[in-house]
Structures are given as structure tokens and as C-alpha cells.
Amino acid sequence: MNRIHRRALMTAVAAVAAIAAIMPTASAASGPAATAPASPKPTVVLVHGGFADGSNWNGVIKRLEKDGYPVVAPANPLRGLPTDAAYISSFLDSIKGPVILAGHSYGGAVITNAAVGHPNVKALVYVAAFVPDKGEQLGVLIQKYPGSEIQAALNEVPFTNADGTTGTDLYLRPDRFHDVFAADLPQSVTRLMAAEQRPFSASSFTDVTTGAAWHTIPSWGIVATADKSIPPALERFEYQRARSHVVEVKGASHVVMISHPAAVADVIEDAAEHTS
């Protein structure tokens, strides 16, 4: 081997040695920091209230899924608090891993009862919602502060239960639906919502709350400042009592998750990040 070839070979060997010195060893590259998978994000469960269905969460779902959260919005039966809470509780049993549980309006009362005994529920998010304590009735709570126009806008429709007894379904009158329920949405939208509304049982206002999960589970609360269904003053009282992290959405109607989906999604994600 001539001198030129020997010198080129020595130079190449030195370069390889230098590169090897600055690269991590195989054991370091395959350590816990390199191989541990990212913690999965919690499942967000969204529970709608009366006069509504799961589609009310569409804008929120779109944003949460974009940010990598698995989301489900089960159908709330709206047959009274004992039935509805038991159903949502059973639904929670089907979900593996941590859950962020959100409820709108009457759905807030449902999740308050349903989350009891579910250690995988890491946070409760109340969206312009009822947040009753044990032993309370929604019909009494809503009278605590002035401002609700819901009672005067109701249309009561009797129905026959399976056992032959008579129940009462509550609808919102179409001519009052926009102003009372969703005043910050276009009337073209609220006309469809009024036509498609799902009634809920009048017994929901007299059913007694049997458990209040917010005593042991961290909570977040959204105040809709222009709410004419649940008075904003009641929302503030409930959230303060539950020691919730409170966010106010100025000018929002009762259906704040439809008119301000980004704000609602941000609160849910905040709850997920602080309880992960």
C-alpha cells in the first residue's frame, strides 16, 4: 500500500472514531425516555340536557378530536334523574382509562349523580349547568335566583308510561325557543332545533339528587352570561360551592357549546391537562 492510500485510510478511520464518540450508545438510545409511549389522552364524555341531543356538541367534538381526544356523546334518555343517572353510570362502566365528564344544563345534574363511584372520572365540566348537592331538587334550585324564563315557555304534554301511569313531557314552545334557549344563534338554526327538540320528563325537576360527585372530583364550570334558561347567578353560586375552576363566556346564551364551541373545548382540555 503506497503512502497516499495509507494516509487516506487512516483519515477515514479517525473520522469514524470521531463520529462514534459523539453518538449515543445503543443502551442510551433505547432507554426509557426513547421507548416509553406517550400517555393516552383521556376519553371525553359529553352529556346533553333537555330539549337537546348529542348533536349540540358537534362543534366541540370537532375541536377535541382535532387535538387528539377520543370523544363520545351518549344519548341522555331524559326520563328523569334516577333513570338518566343510572344509564350514564352504566355507560361510564364501558370506558377503559381516564374520563373527563362534561354535562350541559340538566346534563350537569345527571353527571353529578352518575360519576359517583367511578374513580376513572378525573374531572367534571359543567356547561351552563345544574350542579345540585345531595338531597336537592332542580325545581327548587332554579327558583333561588331570578332570571329564568324557562317555566313560562314550557309546553306540557302528557304521556302514558309502560305501567299505565301518566307522565308529563316538557317541550319548549317554538315561538319562545330562540329567545329563551338560544338567543345568540340565527333563527333559521333555532327553528330546526325547536322542531327536533327532545322533551324531558317533568319529574326531573322534582327528583332528588342522591349523590354529588363534585365533592370528591375536581370540577370546571362555564357561565353563560346571557343565559335565560338557568340564571347566570345560579351557575356562579353552584360553581363557587363546588370550588370549580370558573370561566365566563360573555354574551353567551344557554347553548354556549353551540355558539362558542372553541371556548367550551378549551375548558374541557384545560380540565384534562390539569388532571392527567
C-alpha atoms as a PDB file:
ATOM      1  CA  MET A   1       0.000   0.000   0.000  1.00  0.00           C
ATOM      2  CA  ASN A   2       1.525   3.347  -1.018  1.00  0.00           C
ATOM      3  CA  ARG A   3       1.798   6.348   1.271  1.00  0.00           C
ATOM      4  CA  ILE A   4      -1.179   8.221  -0.236  1.00  0.00           C
ATOM      5  CA  HIS A   5      -3.542   5.272   0.171  1.00  0.00           C
ATOM      6  CA  ARG A   6      -2.291   4.609   3.732  1.00  0.00           C
ATOM      7  CA  ARG A   7      -2.879   8.257   4.700  1.00  0.00           C
ATOM      8  CA  ALA A   8      -6.440   8.222   3.236  1.00  0.00           C
ATOM      9  CA  LEU A   9      -7.267   5.038   5.146  1.00  0.00           C
ATOM     10  CA  MET A  10      -6.002   6.494   8.444  1.00  0.00           C
ATOM     11  CA  THR A  11      -8.036   9.650   7.876  1.00  0.00           C
ATOM     12  CA  ALA A  12     -11.230   7.640   7.278  1.00  0.00           C
ATOM     13  CA  VAL A  13     -10.677   5.530  10.433  1.00  0.00           C
ATOM     14  CA  ALA A  14     -10.185   8.692  12.505  1.00  0.00           C
ATOM     15  CA  ALA A  15     -13.407  10.199  11.127  1.00  0.00           C
ATOM     16  CA  VAL A  16     -15.434   7.114  12.008  1.00  0.00           C
ATOM     17  CA  ALA A  17     -13.996   7.133  15.539  1.00  0.00           C
ATOM     18  CA  ALA A  18     -14.895  10.793  15.992  1.00  0.00           C
ATOM     19  CA  ILE A  19     -18.488  10.235  14.872  1.00  0.00           C
ATOM     20  CA  ALA A  20     -18.830   7.226  17.192  1.00  0.00           C
ATOM     21  CA  ALA A  21     -17.608   9.291  20.143  1.00  0.00           C
ATOM     22  CA  ILE A  22     -20.374  11.856  19.845  1.00  0.00           C
ATOM     23  CA  MET A  23     -23.254   9.445  19.094  1.00  0.00           C
ATOM     24  CA  PRO A  24     -25.305   7.889  21.964  1.00  0.00           C
ATOM     25  CA  THR A  25     -24.639   4.289  22.790  1.00  0.00           C
ATOM     26  CA  ALA A  26     -27.208   1.650  21.872  1.00  0.00           C
ATOM     27  CA  SER A  27     -28.240   1.274  25.501  1.00  0.00           C
ATOM     28  CA  ALA A  28     -28.780   5.029  25.919  1.00  0.00           C
ATOM     29  CA  ALA A  29     -30.757   5.334  22.689  1.00  0.00           C
ATOM     30  CA  SER A  30     -33.072   2.528  23.741  1.00  0.00           C
ATOM     31  CA  GLY A  31     -33.596   3.755  27.323  1.00  0.00           C
ATOM     32  CA  PRO A  32     -36.962   4.630  28.895  1.00  0.00           C
ATOM     33  CA  ALA A  33     -37.034   8.185  27.541  1.00  0.00           C
ATOM     34  CA  ALA A  34     -36.700   6.936  23.988  1.00  0.00           C
ATOM     35  CA  THR A  35     -39.083   3.980  24.101  1.00  0.00           C
ATOM     36  CA  ALA A  36     -41.849   4.942  26.578  1.00  0.00           C
ATOM     37  CA  PRO A  37     -45.074   5.615  24.645  1.00  0.00           C
ATOM     38  CA  ALA A  38     -46.864   8.896  25.219  1.00  0.00           C
ATOM     39  CA  SER A  39     -49.641   8.723  27.810  1.00  0.00           C
ATOM     40  CA  PRO A  40     -53.002   8.357  26.040  1.00  0.00           C
ATOM     41  CA  LYS A  41     -55.386  11.262  26.359  1.00  0.00           C
ATOM     42  CA  PRO A  42     -58.494  10.753  28.460  1.00  0.00           C
ATOM     43  CA  THR A  43     -61.818   9.985  26.843  1.00  0.00           C
ATOM     44  CA  VAL A  44     -64.184  12.938  26.894  1.00  0.00           C
ATOM     45  CA  VAL A  45     -67.813  12.013  27.576  1.00  0.00           C
ATOM     46  CA  LEU A  46     -70.340  14.729  26.714  1.00  0.00           C
ATOM     47  CA  VAL A  47     -73.854  14.574  28.197  1.00  0.00           C
ATOM     48  CA  HIS A  48     -76.570  16.794  26.732  1.00  0.00           C
ATOM     49  CA  GLY A  49     -79.535  18.217  28.609  1.00  0.00           C
ATOM     50  CA  GLY A  50     -83.245  18.637  27.957  1.00  0.00           C
ATOM     51  CA  PHE A  51     -84.719  19.849  24.638  1.00  0.00           C
ATOM     52  CA  ALA A  52     -81.473  18.671  23.029  1.00  0.00           C
ATOM     53  CA  ASP A  53     -79.443  15.730  21.741  1.00  0.00           C
ATOM     54  CA  GLY A  54     -75.811  14.805  21.179  1.00  0.00           C
ATOM     55  CA  SER A  55     -75.549  16.886  18.011  1.00  0.00           C
ATOM     56  CA  ASN A  56     -75.457  20.011  20.190  1.00  0.00           C
ATOM     57  CA  TRP A  57     -71.831  19.079  20.899  1.00  0.00           C
ATOM     58  CA  ASN A  58     -70.792  18.873  17.226  1.00  0.00           C
ATOM     59  CA  GLY A  59     -68.544  21.946  17.234  1.00  0.00           C
ATOM     60  CA  VAL A  60     -66.893  20.905  20.491  1.00  0.00           C
ATOM     61  CA  ILE A  61     -66.358  17.331  19.307  1.00  0.00           C
ATOM     62  CA  LYS A  62     -64.694  18.531  16.111  1.00  0.00           C
ATOM     63  CA  ARG A  63     -62.152  20.572  18.063  1.00  0.00           C
ATOM     64  CA  LEU A  64     -61.435  17.926  20.674  1.00  0.00           C
ATOM     65  CA  GLU A  65     -60.892  15.222  18.078  1.00  0.00           C
ATOM     66  CA  LYS A  66     -58.578  17.515  16.135  1.00  0.00           C
ATOM     67  CA  ASP A  67     -56.479  17.803  19.291  1.00  0.00           C
ATOM     68  CA  GLY A  68     -56.320  14.042  19.705  1.00  0.00           C
ATOM     69  CA  TYR A  69     -59.020  13.386  22.291  1.00  0.00           C
ATOM     70  CA  PRO A  70     -61.337  10.383  21.946  1.00  0.00           C
ATOM     71  CA  VAL A  71     -64.894  11.693  22.364  1.00  0.00           C
ATOM     72  CA  VAL A  72     -68.316  10.113  22.883  1.00  0.00           C
ATOM     73  CA  ALA A  73     -71.663  11.869  23.308  1.00  0.00           C
ATOM     74  CA  PRO A  74     -74.175   9.262  24.507  1.00  0.00           C
ATOM     75  CA  ALA A  75     -77.912   9.823  24.247  1.00  0.00           C
ATOM     76  CA  ASN A  76     -79.280  11.005  27.580  1.00  0.00           C
ATOM     77  CA  PRO A  77     -82.639   9.206  27.998  1.00  0.00           C
ATOM     78  CA  LEU A  78     -84.303  12.292  29.569  1.00  0.00           C
ATOM     79  CA  ARG A  79     -86.686  10.083  31.549  1.00  0.00           C
ATOM     80  CA  GLY A  80     -85.922  11.501  34.989  1.00  0.00           C
ATOM     81  CA  LEU A  81     -82.817  11.787  37.137  1.00  0.00           C
ATOM     82  CA  PRO A  82     -82.771   8.228  38.595  1.00  0.00           C
ATOM     83  CA  THR A  83     -83.108   6.648  35.143  1.00  0.00           C
ATOM     84  CA  ASP A  84     -80.751   9.013  33.359  1.00  0.00           C
ATOM     85  CA  ALA A  85     -78.002   8.922  36.008  1.00  0.00           C
ATOM     86  CA  ALA A  86     -78.119   5.126  36.124  1.00  0.00           C
ATOM     87  CA  TYR A  87     -77.846   4.943  32.342  1.00  0.00           C
ATOM     88  CA  ILE A  88     -74.860   7.291  32.119  1.00  0.00           C
ATOM     89  CA  SER A  89     -73.219   5.486  35.045  1.00  0.00           C
ATOM     90  CA  SER A  90     -73.542   2.205  33.134  1.00  0.00           C
ATOM     91  CA  PHE A  91     -72.114   3.875  30.053  1.00  0.00           C
ATOM     92  CA  LEU A  92     -69.090   5.006  32.068  1.00  0.00           C
ATOM     93  CA  ASP A  93     -68.535   1.373  33.075  1.00  0.00           C
ATOM     94  CA  SER A  94     -67.866   0.576  29.412  1.00  0.00           C
ATOM     95  CA  ILE A  95     -64.958   3.024  29.073  1.00  0.00           C
ATOM     96  CA  LYS A  96     -61.427   1.965  29.910  1.00  0.00           C
ATOM     97  CA  GLY A  97     -58.968   4.542  31.171  1.00  0.00           C
ATOM     98  CA  PRO A  98     -59.430   8.081  32.462  1.00  0.00           C
ATOM     99  CA  VAL A  99     -62.547  10.095  31.631  1.00  0.00           C
ATOM    100  CA  ILE A 100     -63.358  13.806  31.512  1.00  0.00           C
ATOM    101  CA  LEU A 101     -67.125  14.010  32.032  1.00  0.00           C
ATOM    102  CA  ALA A 102     -68.996  17.100  30.823  1.00  0.00           C
ATOM    103  CA  GLY A 103     -72.673  17.953  31.167  1.00  0.00           C
ATOM    104  CA  HIS A 104     -74.803  20.750  29.752  1.00  0.00           C
ATOM    105  CA  SER A 105     -77.836  22.157  31.566  1.00  0.00           C
ATOM    106  CA  TYR A 106     -79.858  19.268  33.038  1.00  0.00           C
ATOM    107  CA  GLY A 107     -76.958  17.052  31.945  1.00  0.00           C
ATOM    108  CA  GLY A 108     -74.966  18.646  34.761  1.00  0.00           C
ATOM    109  CA  ALA A 109     -77.332  17.124  37.311  1.00  0.00           C
ATOM    110  CA  VAL A 110     -77.049  13.781  35.535  1.00  0.00           C
ATOM    111  CA  ILE A 111     -73.243  13.681  35.645  1.00  0.00           C
ATOM    112  CA  THR A 112     -73.253  14.874  39.277  1.00  0.00           C
ATOM    113  CA  ASN A 113     -75.119  11.693  40.217  1.00  0.00           C
ATOM    114  CA  ALA A 114     -73.662   9.350  37.592  1.00  0.00           C
ATOM    115  CA  ALA A 115     -69.979   9.954  38.384  1.00  0.00           C
ATOM    116  CA  VAL A 116     -70.279   8.789  41.989  1.00  0.00           C
ATOM    117  CA  GLY A 117     -68.232   5.623  42.471  1.00  0.00           C
ATOM    118  CA  HIS A 118     -66.273   5.996  39.225  1.00  0.00           C
ATOM    119  CA  PRO A 119     -62.586   6.543  40.078  1.00  0.00           C
ATOM    120  CA  ASN A 120     -61.715   6.801  36.379  1.00  0.00           C
ATOM    121  CA  VAL A 121     -63.659  10.077  36.116  1.00  0.00           C
ATOM    122  CA  LYS A 122     -60.871  12.585  36.650  1.00  0.00           C
ATOM    123  CA  ALA A 123     -62.772  15.846  36.125  1.00  0.00           C
ATOM    124  CA  LEU A 124     -66.301  17.175  35.809  1.00  0.00           C
ATOM    125  CA  VAL A 125     -67.040  20.024  33.404  1.00  0.00           C
ATOM    126  CA  TYR A 126     -70.304  21.907  33.877  1.00  0.00           C
ATOM    127  CA  VAL A 127     -71.521  23.856  30.840  1.00  0.00           C
ATOM    128  CA  ALA A 128     -74.262  26.356  31.780  1.00  0.00           C
ATOM    129  CA  ALA A 129     -75.389  23.568  34.035  1.00  0.00           C
ATOM    130  CA  PHE A 130     -77.245  22.499  37.124  1.00  0.00           C
ATOM    131  CA  VAL A 131     -74.868  21.339  39.861  1.00  0.00           C
ATOM    132  CA  PRO A 132     -77.091  20.021  42.665  1.00  0.00           C
ATOM    133  CA  ASP A 133     -75.934  18.827  46.037  1.00  0.00           C
ATOM    134  CA  LYS A 134     -77.170  15.659  47.701  1.00  0.00           C
ATOM    135  CA  GLY A 135     -80.831  15.984  48.669  1.00  0.00           C
ATOM    136  CA  GLU A 136     -81.581  18.920  46.343  1.00  0.00           C
ATOM    137  CA  GLN A 137     -84.211  19.239  43.592  1.00  0.00           C
ATOM    138  CA  LEU A 138     -83.717  21.195  40.377  1.00  0.00           C
ATOM    139  CA  GLY A 139     -87.150  22.788  40.667  1.00  0.00           C
ATOM    140  CA  VAL A 140     -86.077  24.377  43.952  1.00  0.00           C
ATOM    141  CA  LEU A 141     -82.609  25.360  42.730  1.00  0.00           C
ATOM    142  CA  ILE A 142     -83.884  27.219  39.671  1.00  0.00           C
ATOM    143  CA  GLN A 143     -86.022  29.429  41.917  1.00  0.00           C
ATOM    144  CA  LYS A 144     -83.032  30.503  44.010  1.00  0.00           C
ATOM    145  CA  TYR A 145     -82.189  33.450  41.716  1.00  0.00           C
ATOM    146  CA  PRO A 146     -84.335  35.448  39.287  1.00  0.00           C
ATOM    147  CA  GLY A 147     -83.751  35.424  35.545  1.00  0.00           C
ATOM    148  CA  SER A 148     -85.007  32.089  34.237  1.00  0.00           C
ATOM    149  CA  GLU A 149     -87.707  32.368  31.562  1.00  0.00           C
ATOM    150  CA  ILE A 150     -87.950  28.647  31.035  1.00  0.00           C
ATOM    151  CA  GLN A 151     -91.086  27.897  33.061  1.00  0.00           C
ATOM    152  CA  ALA A 152     -93.231  30.394  31.159  1.00  0.00           C
ATOM    153  CA  ALA A 153     -92.037  28.938  27.840  1.00  0.00           C
ATOM    154  CA  LEU A 154     -92.898  25.308  28.586  1.00  0.00           C
ATOM    155  CA  ASN A 155     -95.455  23.195  26.780  1.00  0.00           C
ATOM    156  CA  GLU A 156     -96.520  20.252  28.957  1.00  0.00           C
ATOM    157  CA  VAL A 157     -97.548  17.096  27.095  1.00  0.00           C
ATOM    158  CA  PRO A 158     -98.945  14.076  28.997  1.00  0.00           C
ATOM    159  CA  PHE A 159     -97.852  10.572  28.032  1.00  0.00           C
ATOM    160  CA  THR A 160     -98.605   7.061  29.225  1.00  0.00           C
ATOM    161  CA  ASN A 161     -95.900   5.084  30.989  1.00  0.00           C
ATOM    162  CA  ALA A 162     -95.410   1.369  30.432  1.00  0.00           C
ATOM    163  CA  ASP A 163     -97.150   0.630  33.742  1.00  0.00           C
ATOM    164  CA  GLY A 164    -100.218   2.620  32.708  1.00  0.00           C
ATOM    165  CA  THR A 165     -99.485   5.683  34.848  1.00  0.00           C
ATOM    166  CA  THR A 166     -99.401   9.134  33.288  1.00  0.00           C
ATOM    167  CA  GLY A 167     -96.229  11.161  32.974  1.00  0.00           C
ATOM    168  CA  THR A 168     -95.562  14.650  31.637  1.00  0.00           C
ATOM    169  CA  ASP A 169     -93.060  15.602  28.964  1.00  0.00           C
ATOM    170  CA  LEU A 170     -91.702  19.136  28.783  1.00  0.00           C
ATOM    171  CA  TYR A 171     -91.184  20.880  25.457  1.00  0.00           C
ATOM    172  CA  LEU A 172     -90.221  24.472  24.740  1.00  0.00           C
ATOM    173  CA  ARG A 173     -92.837  26.365  22.739  1.00  0.00           C
ATOM    174  CA  PRO A 174     -91.487  27.033  19.228  1.00  0.00           C
ATOM    175  CA  ASP A 175     -92.270  30.757  19.483  1.00  0.00           C
ATOM    176  CA  ARG A 176     -90.120  31.021  22.645  1.00  0.00           C
ATOM    177  CA  PHE A 177     -87.331  28.589  21.795  1.00  0.00           C
ATOM    178  CA  HIS A 178     -84.948  31.153  20.251  1.00  0.00           C
ATOM    179  CA  ASP A 179     -85.205  33.838  22.919  1.00  0.00           C
ATOM    180  CA  VAL A 180     -85.179  31.564  25.949  1.00  0.00           C
ATOM    181  CA  PHE A 181     -82.795  28.829  24.845  1.00  0.00           C
ATOM    182  CA  ALA A 182     -80.508  30.023  22.076  1.00  0.00           C
ATOM    183  CA  ALA A 183     -80.751  33.786  21.555  1.00  0.00           C
ATOM    184  CA  ASP A 184     -77.218  34.110  20.132  1.00  0.00           C
ATOM    185  CA  LEU A 185     -77.928  31.722  17.249  1.00  0.00           C
ATOM    186  CA  PRO A 186     -79.675  32.586  13.962  1.00  0.00           C
ATOM    187  CA  GLN A 187     -83.430  31.994  13.925  1.00  0.00           C
ATOM    188  CA  SER A 188     -83.004  29.749  10.889  1.00  0.00           C
ATOM    189  CA  VAL A 189     -80.954  27.423  13.110  1.00  0.00           C
ATOM    190  CA  THR A 190     -83.197  27.586  16.162  1.00  0.00           C
ATOM    191  CA  ARG A 191     -86.328  26.814  14.102  1.00  0.00           C
ATOM    192  CA  LEU A 192     -84.789  23.455  13.254  1.00  0.00           C
ATOM    193  CA  MET A 193     -83.674  22.916  16.842  1.00  0.00           C
ATOM    194  CA  ALA A 194     -87.198  23.646  18.083  1.00  0.00           C
ATOM    195  CA  ALA A 195     -88.732  21.201  15.612  1.00  0.00           C
ATOM    196  CA  GLU A 196     -86.242  18.454  16.531  1.00  0.00           C
ATOM    197  CA  GLN A 197     -86.104  19.032  20.298  1.00  0.00           C
ATOM    198  CA  ARG A 198     -86.227  16.036  22.622  1.00  0.00           C
ATOM    199  CA  PRO A 199     -88.552  16.543  25.573  1.00  0.00           C
ATOM    200  CA  PHE A 200     -87.605  15.557  29.076  1.00  0.00           C
ATOM    201  CA  SER A 201     -89.720  14.325  31.927  1.00  0.00           C
ATOM    202  CA  ALA A 202     -91.197  16.896  34.297  1.00  0.00           C
ATOM    203  CA  SER A 203     -90.150  14.591  37.121  1.00  0.00           C
ATOM    204  CA  SER A 204     -86.576  15.768  36.500  1.00  0.00           C
ATOM    205  CA  PHE A 205     -87.430  18.942  38.439  1.00  0.00           C
ATOM    206  CA  THR A 206     -88.702  17.040  41.492  1.00  0.00           C
ATOM    207  CA  ASP A 207     -86.286  14.090  41.535  1.00  0.00           C
ATOM    208  CA  VAL A 208     -83.889  14.218  44.468  1.00  0.00           C
ATOM    209  CA  THR A 209     -80.131  14.132  43.922  1.00  0.00           C
ATOM    210  CA  THR A 210     -78.725  11.089  45.715  1.00  0.00           C
ATOM    211  CA  GLY A 211     -75.005  11.732  45.264  1.00  0.00           C
ATOM    212  CA  ALA A 212     -72.807  14.725  44.420  1.00  0.00           C
ATOM    213  CA  ALA A 213     -69.579  13.671  42.742  1.00  0.00           C
ATOM    214  CA  TRP A 214     -68.173  17.207  42.771  1.00  0.00           C
ATOM    215  CA  HIS A 215     -67.357  16.774  46.464  1.00  0.00           C
ATOM    216  CA  THR A 216     -64.512  14.421  45.522  1.00  0.00           C
ATOM    217  CA  ILE A 217     -63.823  15.086  41.817  1.00  0.00           C
ATOM    218  CA  PRO A 218     -62.242  18.351  40.561  1.00  0.00           C
ATOM    219  CA  SER A 219     -64.661  20.437  38.517  1.00  0.00           C
ATOM    220  CA  TRP A 220     -64.725  23.218  35.959  1.00  0.00           C
ATOM    221  CA  GLY A 221     -67.737  25.454  35.314  1.00  0.00           C
ATOM    222  CA  ILE A 222     -68.751  27.617  32.356  1.00  0.00           C
ATOM    223  CA  VAL A 223     -71.061  30.568  32.995  1.00  0.00           C
ATOM    224  CA  ALA A 224     -73.141  31.690  30.011  1.00  0.00           C
ATOM    225  CA  THR A 225     -73.598  35.342  30.943  1.00  0.00           C
ATOM    226  CA  ALA A 226     -76.727  35.890  28.791  1.00  0.00           C
ATOM    227  CA  ASP A 227     -78.414  32.630  29.816  1.00  0.00           C
ATOM    228  CA  LYS A 228     -82.198  32.935  30.112  1.00  0.00           C
ATOM    229  CA  SER A 229     -82.777  29.285  30.976  1.00  0.00           C
ATOM    230  CA  ILE A 230     -80.547  28.813  34.029  1.00  0.00           C
ATOM    231  CA  PRO A 231     -79.788  32.172  35.658  1.00  0.00           C
ATOM    232  CA  PRO A 232     -76.074  33.066  35.463  1.00  0.00           C
ATOM    233  CA  ALA A 233     -76.259  33.936  39.172  1.00  0.00           C
ATOM    234  CA  LEU A 234     -77.282  30.344  39.919  1.00  0.00           C
ATOM    235  CA  GLU A 235     -74.461  28.984  37.784  1.00  0.00           C
ATOM    236  CA  ARG A 236     -71.959  31.145  39.684  1.00  0.00           C
ATOM    237  CA  PHE A 237     -73.377  30.051  43.041  1.00  0.00           C
ATOM    238  CA  GLU A 238     -73.220  26.367  42.134  1.00  0.00           C
ATOM    239  CA  TYR A 239     -69.687  26.565  40.756  1.00  0.00           C
ATOM    240  CA  GLN A 240     -68.422  28.522  43.752  1.00  0.00           C
ATOM    241  CA  ARG A 241     -69.984  25.975  46.095  1.00  0.00           C
ATOM    242  CA  ALA A 242     -68.308  23.138  44.194  1.00  0.00           C
ATOM    243  CA  ARG A 243     -64.981  25.027  44.167  1.00  0.00           C
ATOM    244  CA  SER A 244     -64.936  24.782  40.401  1.00  0.00           C
ATOM    245  CA  HIS A 245     -62.491  26.494  38.093  1.00  0.00           C
ATOM    246  CA  VAL A 246     -64.831  29.081  36.565  1.00  0.00           C
ATOM    247  CA  VAL A 247     -64.813  30.557  33.065  1.00  0.00           C
ATOM    248  CA  GLU A 248     -67.384  33.136  31.954  1.00  0.00           C
ATOM    249  CA  VAL A 249     -68.355  33.429  28.282  1.00  0.00           C
ATOM    250  CA  LYS A 250     -69.726  36.923  27.763  1.00  0.00           C
ATOM    251  CA  GLY A 251     -72.933  37.253  25.786  1.00  0.00           C
ATOM    252  CA  ALA A 252     -73.417  33.507  25.525  1.00  0.00           C
ATOM    253  CA  SER A 253     -76.905  32.015  25.576  1.00  0.00           C
ATOM    254  CA  HIS A 254     -77.803  28.763  27.282  1.00  0.00           C
ATOM    255  CA  VAL A 255     -76.403  26.744  24.357  1.00  0.00           C
ATOM    256  CA  VAL A 256     -72.891  28.137  24.768  1.00  0.00           C
ATOM    257  CA  MET A 257     -71.392  24.895  23.414  1.00  0.00           C
ATOM    258  CA  ILE A 258     -73.070  25.624  20.049  1.00  0.00           C
ATOM    259  CA  SER A 259     -72.412  29.367  19.836  1.00  0.00           C
ATOM    260  CA  HIS A 260     -68.910  29.256  21.397  1.00  0.00           C
ATOM    261  CA  PRO A 261     -67.580  25.720  20.793  1.00  0.00           C
ATOM    262  CA  ALA A 262     -63.917  26.759  20.927  1.00  0.00           C
ATOM    263  CA  ALA A 263     -64.320  28.287  24.392  1.00  0.00           C
ATOM    264  CA  VAL A 264     -66.032  25.140  25.688  1.00  0.00           C
ATOM    265  CA  ALA A 265     -63.442  22.839  24.116  1.00  0.00           C
ATOM    266  CA  ASP A 266     -60.651  24.921  25.701  1.00  0.00           C
ATOM    267  CA  VAL A 267     -62.159  24.460  29.176  1.00  0.00           C
ATOM    268  CA  ILE A 268     -62.510  20.702  28.668  1.00  0.00           C
ATOM    269  CA  GLU A 269     -58.903  20.443  27.518  1.00  0.00           C
ATOM    270  CA  ASP A 270     -57.784  22.529  30.491  1.00  0.00           C
ATOM    271  CA  ALA A 271     -59.550  20.089  32.792  1.00  0.00           C
ATOM    272  CA  ALA A 272     -57.861  17.163  31.014  1.00  0.00           C
ATOM    273  CA  GLU A 273     -54.394  18.707  31.235  1.00  0.00           C
ATOM    274  CA  HIS A 274     -54.703  19.598  34.919  1.00  0.00           C
ATOM    275  CA  THR A 275     -55.928  16.164  35.954  1.00  0.00           C
ATOM    276  CA  SER A 276     -53.748  13.960  33.743  1.00  0.00           C
END
